[in-house]
Amino acid sequence: MNKVKRWIVEQFLPAYARETLLEENERLRKELEDARAELREMQHYAAGLEYTVRHLPANTVYNHYENNE
């Protein structure tokens, strides 16, 4: 919350509403940080996979079919 919004909340909301709002904001802030951490982890995992695939040796597969006559 920015300073003006926080001041309005602290001055004009009843105590129970203020506490509820601040607790919910803190919970949401933690949830957002957890989601961002998971996103960073997945991006690093994807980057590792891309690096691995990019540096694999090129494989050429030839299909030879036997002609049984």
PDB file of N, CA and C in Angstrom:
ATOM      1  N   MET A   1       0.831  -1.177   0.000  1.00  0.00           N
ATOM      2  CA  MET A   1       0.000   0.000   0.000  1.00  0.00           C
ATOM      3  C   MET A   1       0.877   1.243   0.000  1.00  0.00           C
ATOM      4  N   ASN A   2       0.444   2.234  -0.722  1.00  0.00           N
ATOM      5  CA  ASN A   2       1.200   3.476  -0.680  1.00  0.00           C
ATOM      6  C   ASN A   2       0.846   4.246   0.595  1.00  0.00           C
ATOM      7  N   LYS A   3       1.552   5.324   0.854  1.00  0.00           N
ATOM      8  CA  LYS A   3       1.403   6.051   2.122  1.00  0.00           C
ATOM      9  C   LYS A   3       0.014   6.658   2.301  1.00  0.00           C
ATOM     10  N   VAL A   4      -0.540   7.238   1.248  1.00  0.00           N
ATOM     11  CA  VAL A   4      -1.858   7.874   1.344  1.00  0.00           C
ATOM     12  C   VAL A   4      -2.929   6.827   1.629  1.00  0.00           C
ATOM     13  N   LYS A   5      -2.884   5.728   0.894  1.00  0.00           N
ATOM     14  CA  LYS A   5      -3.874   4.674   1.089  1.00  0.00           C
ATOM     15  C   LYS A   5      -3.767   4.088   2.498  1.00  0.00           C
ATOM     16  N   ARG A   6      -2.546   3.858   2.961  1.00  0.00           N
ATOM     17  CA  ARG A   6      -2.338   3.330   4.310  1.00  0.00           C
ATOM     18  C   ARG A   6      -2.889   4.311   5.352  1.00  0.00           C
ATOM     19  N   TRP A   7      -2.665   5.601   5.166  1.00  0.00           N
ATOM     20  CA  TRP A   7      -3.144   6.598   6.111  1.00  0.00           C
ATOM     21  C   TRP A   7      -4.674   6.592   6.167  1.00  0.00           C
ATOM     22  N   ILE A   8      -5.306   6.516   4.994  1.00  0.00           N
ATOM     23  CA  ILE A   8      -6.770   6.478   4.944  1.00  0.00           C
ATOM     24  C   ILE A   8      -7.289   5.242   5.663  1.00  0.00           C
ATOM     25  N   VAL A   9      -6.665   4.101   5.404  1.00  0.00           N
ATOM     26  CA  VAL A   9      -7.082   2.856   6.054  1.00  0.00           C
ATOM     27  C   VAL A   9      -6.921   2.968   7.562  1.00  0.00           C
ATOM     28  N   GLU A  10      -5.789   3.476   8.019  1.00  0.00           N
ATOM     29  CA  GLU A  10      -5.537   3.554   9.457  1.00  0.00           C
ATOM     30  C   GLU A  10      -6.417   4.594  10.154  1.00  0.00           C
ATOM     31  N   GLN A  11      -6.827   5.630   9.464  1.00  0.00           N
ATOM     32  CA  GLN A  11      -7.613   6.699  10.084  1.00  0.00           C
ATOM     33  C   GLN A  11      -9.116   6.458  10.067  1.00  0.00           C
ATOM     34  N   PHE A  12      -9.635   5.870   9.004  1.00  0.00           N
ATOM     35  CA  PHE A  12     -11.075   5.859   8.822  1.00  0.00           C
ATOM     36  C   PHE A  12     -11.741   4.487   8.905  1.00  0.00           C
ATOM     37  N   LEU A  13     -10.981   3.415   8.860  1.00  0.00           N
ATOM     38  CA  LEU A  13     -11.612   2.100   8.977  1.00  0.00           C
ATOM     39  C   LEU A  13     -11.755   1.710  10.441  1.00  0.00           C
ATOM     40  N   PRO A  14     -12.789   0.973  10.768  1.00  0.00           N
ATOM     41  CA  PRO A  14     -12.901   0.440  12.130  1.00  0.00           C
ATOM     42  C   PRO A  14     -11.750  -0.544  12.389  1.00  0.00           C
ATOM     43  N   ALA A  15     -11.433  -0.773  13.649  1.00  0.00           N
ATOM     44  CA  ALA A  15     -10.278  -1.596  14.026  1.00  0.00           C
ATOM     45  C   ALA A  15     -10.341  -2.995  13.420  1.00  0.00           C
ATOM     46  N   TYR A  16     -11.516  -3.650  13.495  1.00  0.00           N
ATOM     47  CA  TYR A  16     -11.608  -5.018  12.979  1.00  0.00           C
ATOM     48  C   TYR A  16     -11.390  -5.047  11.467  1.00  0.00           C
ATOM     49  N   ALA A  17     -11.925  -4.064  10.752  1.00  0.00           N
ATOM     50  CA  ALA A  17     -11.754  -4.021   9.298  1.00  0.00           C
ATOM     51  C   ALA A  17     -10.311  -3.712   8.932  1.00  0.00           C
ATOM     52  N   ARG A  18      -9.687  -2.811   9.681  1.00  0.00           N
ATOM     53  CA  ARG A  18      -8.290  -2.455   9.432  1.00  0.00           C
ATOM     54  C   ARG A  18      -7.389  -3.668   9.628  1.00  0.00           C
ATOM     55  N   GLU A  19      -7.585  -4.383  10.738  1.00  0.00           N
ATOM     56  CA  GLU A  19      -6.763  -5.566  11.021  1.00  0.00           C
ATOM     57  C   GLU A  19      -6.967  -6.633   9.956  1.00  0.00           C
ATOM     58  N   THR A  20      -8.199  -6.849   9.578  1.00  0.00           N
ATOM     59  CA  THR A  20      -8.501  -7.844   8.550  1.00  0.00           C
ATOM     60  C   THR A  20      -7.848  -7.476   7.227  1.00  0.00           C
ATOM     61  N   LEU A  21      -7.968  -6.219   6.846  1.00  0.00           N
ATOM     62  CA  LEU A  21      -7.395  -5.757   5.588  1.00  0.00           C
ATOM     63  C   LEU A  21      -5.873  -5.882   5.588  1.00  0.00           C
ATOM     64  N   LEU A  22      -5.246  -5.462   6.672  1.00  0.00           N
ATOM     65  CA  LEU A  22      -3.783  -5.535   6.739  1.00  0.00           C
ATOM     66  C   LEU A  22      -3.287  -6.977   6.765  1.00  0.00           C
ATOM     67  N   GLU A  23      -4.000  -7.858   7.476  1.00  0.00           N
ATOM     68  CA  GLU A  23      -3.624  -9.279   7.497  1.00  0.00           C
ATOM     69  C   GLU A  23      -3.776  -9.904   6.109  1.00  0.00           C
ATOM     70  N   GLU A  24      -4.867  -9.573   5.434  1.00  0.00           N
ATOM     71  CA  GLU A  24      -5.087 -10.125   4.094  1.00  0.00           C
ATOM     72  C   GLU A  24      -4.035  -9.614   3.116  1.00  0.00           C
ATOM     73  N   ASN A  25      -3.685  -8.343   3.228  1.00  0.00           N
ATOM     74  CA  ASN A  25      -2.639  -7.799   2.358  1.00  0.00           C
ATOM     75  C   ASN A  25      -1.309  -8.504   2.599  1.00  0.00           C
ATOM     76  N   GLU A  26      -0.989  -8.766   3.851  1.00  0.00           N
ATOM     77  CA  GLU A  26       0.263  -9.464   4.163  1.00  0.00           C
ATOM     78  C   GLU A  26       0.236 -10.888   3.608  1.00  0.00           C
ATOM     79  N   ARG A  27      -0.907 -11.565   3.766  1.00  0.00           N
ATOM     80  CA  ARG A  27      -1.036 -12.929   3.234  1.00  0.00           C
ATOM     81  C   ARG A  27      -0.877 -12.930   1.714  1.00  0.00           C
ATOM     82  N   LEU A  28      -1.511 -11.980   1.057  1.00  0.00           N
ATOM     83  CA  LEU A  28      -1.421 -11.898  -0.403  1.00  0.00           C
ATOM     84  C   LEU A  28      -0.009 -11.547  -0.850  1.00  0.00           C
ATOM     85  N   ARG A  29       0.678 -10.699  -0.085  1.00  0.00           N
ATOM     86  CA  ARG A  29       2.065 -10.343  -0.406  1.00  0.00           C
ATOM     87  C   ARG A  29       2.972 -11.583  -0.331  1.00  0.00           C
ATOM     88  N   LYS A  30       2.769 -12.408   0.703  1.00  0.00           N
ATOM     89  CA  LYS A  30       3.554 -13.636   0.837  1.00  0.00           C
ATOM     90  C   LYS A  30       3.229 -14.615  -0.295  1.00  0.00           C
ATOM     91  N   GLU A  31       1.941 -14.717  -0.620  1.00  0.00           N
ATOM     92  CA  GLU A  31       1.520 -15.604  -1.707  1.00  0.00           C
ATOM     93  C   GLU A  31       2.135 -15.168  -3.033  1.00  0.00           C
ATOM     94  N   LEU A  32       2.161 -13.865  -3.271  1.00  0.00           N
ATOM     95  CA  LEU A  32       2.758 -13.336  -4.489  1.00  0.00           C
ATOM     96  C   LEU A  32       4.252 -13.631  -4.535  1.00  0.00           C
ATOM     97  N   GLU A  33       4.942 -13.466  -3.420  1.00  0.00           N
ATOM     98  CA  GLU A  33       6.381 -13.749  -3.376  1.00  0.00           C
ATOM     99  C   GLU A  33       6.649 -15.233  -3.623  1.00  0.00           C
ATOM    100  N   ASP A  34       5.813 -16.109  -3.066  1.00  0.00           N
ATOM    101  CA  ASP A  34       5.958 -17.544  -3.319  1.00  0.00           C
ATOM    102  C   ASP A  34       5.753 -17.866  -4.793  1.00  0.00           C
ATOM    103  N   ALA A  35       4.749 -17.252  -5.412  1.00  0.00           N
ATOM    104  CA  ALA A  35       4.480 -17.486  -6.830  1.00  0.00           C
ATOM    105  C   ALA A  35       5.636 -16.979  -7.690  1.00  0.00           C
ATOM    106  N   ARG A  36       6.195 -15.825  -7.322  1.00  0.00           N
ATOM    107  CA  ARG A  36       7.340 -15.304  -8.079  1.00  0.00           C
ATOM    108  C   ARG A  36       8.558 -16.206  -7.927  1.00  0.00           C
ATOM    109  N   ALA A  37       8.768 -16.751  -6.730  1.00  0.00           N
ATOM    110  CA  ALA A  37       9.889 -17.668  -6.519  1.00  0.00           C
ATOM    111  C   ALA A  37       9.711 -18.936  -7.352  1.00  0.00           C
ATOM    112  N   GLU A  38       8.480 -19.459  -7.396  1.00  0.00           N
ATOM    113  CA  GLU A  38       8.206 -20.641  -8.207  1.00  0.00           C
ATOM    114  C   GLU A  38       8.420 -20.337  -9.692  1.00  0.00           C
ATOM    115  N   LEU A  39       8.006 -19.159 -10.128  1.00  0.00           N
ATOM    116  CA  LEU A  39       8.202 -18.764 -11.525  1.00  0.00           C
ATOM    117  C   LEU A  39       9.692 -18.693 -11.861  1.00  0.00           C
ATOM    118  N   ARG A  40      10.490 -18.086 -10.972  1.00  0.00           N
ATOM    119  CA  ARG A  40      11.937 -18.016 -11.209  1.00  0.00           C
ATOM    120  C   ARG A  40      12.546 -19.418 -11.307  1.00  0.00           C
ATOM    121  N   GLU A  41      12.100 -20.323 -10.426  1.00  0.00           N
ATOM    122  CA  GLU A  41      12.605 -21.694 -10.446  1.00  0.00           C
ATOM    123  C   GLU A  41      12.258 -22.384 -11.762  1.00  0.00           C
ATOM    124  N   MET A  42      11.027 -22.207 -12.229  1.00  0.00           N
ATOM    125  CA  MET A  42      10.606 -22.830 -13.483  1.00  0.00           C
ATOM    126  C   MET A  42      11.344 -22.228 -14.677  1.00  0.00           C
ATOM    127  N   GLN A  43      11.600 -20.923 -14.646  1.00  0.00           N
ATOM    128  CA  GLN A  43      12.344 -20.292 -15.734  1.00  0.00           C
ATOM    129  C   GLN A  43      13.775 -20.821 -15.781  1.00  0.00           C
ATOM    130  N   HIS A  44      14.397 -21.018 -14.615  1.00  0.00           N
ATOM    131  CA  HIS A  44      15.755 -21.577 -14.591  1.00  0.00           C
ATOM    132  C   HIS A  44      15.754 -23.010 -15.092  1.00  0.00           C
ATOM    133  N   TYR A  45      14.735 -23.779 -14.718  1.00  0.00           N
ATOM    134  CA  TYR A  45      14.620 -25.157 -15.189  1.00  0.00           C
ATOM    135  C   TYR A  45      14.472 -25.183 -16.710  1.00  0.00           C
ATOM    136  N   ALA A  46      13.613 -24.325 -17.245  1.00  0.00           N
ATOM    137  CA  ALA A  46      13.399 -24.271 -18.699  1.00  0.00           C
ATOM    138  C   ALA A  46      14.675 -23.839 -19.413  1.00  0.00           C
ATOM    139  N   ALA A  47      15.401 -22.891 -18.838  1.00  0.00           N
ATOM    140  CA  ALA A  47      16.652 -22.440 -19.455  1.00  0.00           C
ATOM    141  C   ALA A  47      17.664 -23.578 -19.483  1.00  0.00           C
ATOM    142  N   GLY A  48      17.703 -24.371 -18.425  1.00  0.00           N
ATOM    143  CA  GLY A  48      18.603 -25.523 -18.393  1.00  0.00           C
ATOM    144  C   GLY A  48      18.240 -26.553 -19.445  1.00  0.00           C
ATOM    145  N   LEU A  49      16.945 -26.808 -19.616  1.00  0.00           N
ATOM    146  CA  LEU A  49      16.508 -27.748 -20.651  1.00  0.00           C
ATOM    147  C   LEU A  49      16.860 -27.241 -22.038  1.00  0.00           C
ATOM    148  N   GLU A  50      16.627 -25.951 -22.277  1.00  0.00           N
ATOM    149  CA  GLU A  50      16.956 -25.385 -23.580  1.00  0.00           C
ATOM    150  C   GLU A  50      18.456 -25.489 -23.853  1.00  0.00           C
ATOM    151  N   TYR A  51      19.269 -25.218 -22.859  1.00  0.00           N
ATOM    152  CA  TYR A  51      20.715 -25.312 -23.017  1.00  0.00           C
ATOM    153  C   TYR A  51      21.121 -26.744 -23.351  1.00  0.00           C
ATOM    154  N   THR A  52      20.534 -27.696 -22.632  1.00  0.00           N
ATOM    155  CA  THR A  52      20.867 -29.101 -22.853  1.00  0.00           C
ATOM    156  C   THR A  52      20.469 -29.548 -24.251  1.00  0.00           C
ATOM    157  N   VAL A  53      19.263 -29.213 -24.674  1.00  0.00           N
ATOM    158  CA  VAL A  53      18.794 -29.623 -25.996  1.00  0.00           C
ATOM    159  C   VAL A  53      19.629 -28.957 -27.090  1.00  0.00           C
ATOM    160  N   ARG A  54      19.984 -27.718 -26.881  1.00  0.00           N
ATOM    161  CA  ARG A  54      20.764 -26.990 -27.879  1.00  0.00           C
ATOM    162  C   ARG A  54      22.148 -27.619 -28.063  1.00  0.00           C
ATOM    163  N   HIS A  55      22.703 -28.190 -27.005  1.00  0.00           N
ATOM    164  CA  HIS A  55      24.066 -28.720 -27.078  1.00  0.00           C
ATOM    165  C   HIS A  55      24.130 -30.237 -27.245  1.00  0.00           C
ATOM    166  N   LEU A  56      22.999 -30.865 -27.511  1.00  0.00           N
ATOM    167  CA  LEU A  56      23.006 -32.298 -27.817  1.00  0.00           C
ATOM    168  C   LEU A  56      23.621 -32.511 -29.197  1.00  0.00           C
ATOM    169  N   PRO A  57      24.305 -33.628 -29.380  1.00  0.00           N
ATOM    170  CA  PRO A  57      24.826 -33.894 -30.724  1.00  0.00           C
ATOM    171  C   PRO A  57      23.668 -34.148 -31.684  1.00  0.00           C
ATOM    172  N   ALA A  58      23.865 -33.751 -32.904  1.00  0.00           N
ATOM    173  CA  ALA A  58      22.833 -33.944 -33.911  1.00  0.00           C
ATOM    174  C   ALA A  58      22.749 -35.417 -34.267  1.00  0.00           C
ATOM    175  N   ASN A  59      21.596 -35.991 -34.169  1.00  0.00           N
ATOM    176  CA  ASN A  59      21.379 -37.391 -34.510  1.00  0.00           C
ATOM    177  C   ASN A  59      20.565 -37.465 -35.790  1.00  0.00           C
ATOM    178  N   THR A  60      21.021 -38.320 -36.702  1.00  0.00           N
ATOM    179  CA  THR A  60      20.297 -38.538 -37.941  1.00  0.00           C
ATOM    180  C   THR A  60      19.800 -39.969 -37.932  1.00  0.00           C
ATOM    181  N   VAL A  61      18.517 -40.134 -38.135  1.00  0.00           N
ATOM    182  CA  VAL A  61      17.931 -41.464 -38.123  1.00  0.00           C
ATOM    183  C   VAL A  61      17.566 -41.819 -39.559  1.00  0.00           C
ATOM    184  N   TYR A  62      18.079 -42.976 -39.991  1.00  0.00           N
ATOM    185  CA  TYR A  62      17.756 -43.491 -41.309  1.00  0.00           C
ATOM    186  C   TYR A  62      16.906 -44.720 -41.119  1.00  0.00           C
ATOM    187  N   ASN A  63      15.810 -44.787 -41.809  1.00  0.00           N
ATOM    188  CA  ASN A  63      14.943 -45.963 -41.737  1.00  0.00           C
ATOM    189  C   ASN A  63      15.215 -46.823 -42.969  1.00  0.00           C
ATOM    190  N   HIS A  64      15.687 -48.025 -42.702  1.00  0.00           N
ATOM    191  CA  HIS A  64      15.933 -48.989 -43.782  1.00  0.00           C
ATOM    192  C   HIS A  64      14.907 -50.091 -43.667  1.00  0.00           C
ATOM    193  N   TYR A  65      14.163 -50.261 -44.726  1.00  0.00           N
ATOM    194  CA  TYR A  65      13.162 -51.300 -44.741  1.00  0.00           C
ATOM    195  C   TYR A  65      13.669 -52.458 -45.571  1.00  0.00           C
ATOM    196  N   GLU A  66      13.549 -53.658 -45.034  1.00  0.00           N
ATOM    197  CA  GLU A  66      13.966 -54.852 -45.780  1.00  0.00           C
ATOM    198  C   GLU A  66      12.835 -55.269 -46.712  1.00  0.00           C
ATOM    199  N   ASN A  67      13.250 -55.639 -47.875  1.00  0.00           N
ATOM    200  CA  ASN A  67      12.277 -56.077 -48.857  1.00  0.00           C
ATOM    201  C   ASN A  67      12.314 -57.599 -48.859  1.00  0.00           C
ATOM    202  N   ASN A  68      11.335 -58.243 -48.261  1.00  0.00           N
ATOM    203  CA  ASN A  68      11.291 -59.705 -48.181  1.00  0.00           C
ATOM    204  C   ASN A  68      10.426 -60.245 -49.327  1.00  0.00           C
ATOM    205  N   GLU A  69      11.094 -60.624 -50.386  1.00  0.00           N
ATOM    206  CA  GLU A  69      10.341 -61.159 -51.523  1.00  0.00           C
ATOM    207  C   GLU A  69      10.600 -62.615 -51.684  1.00  0.00           C
TER     208      GLU A  69
END
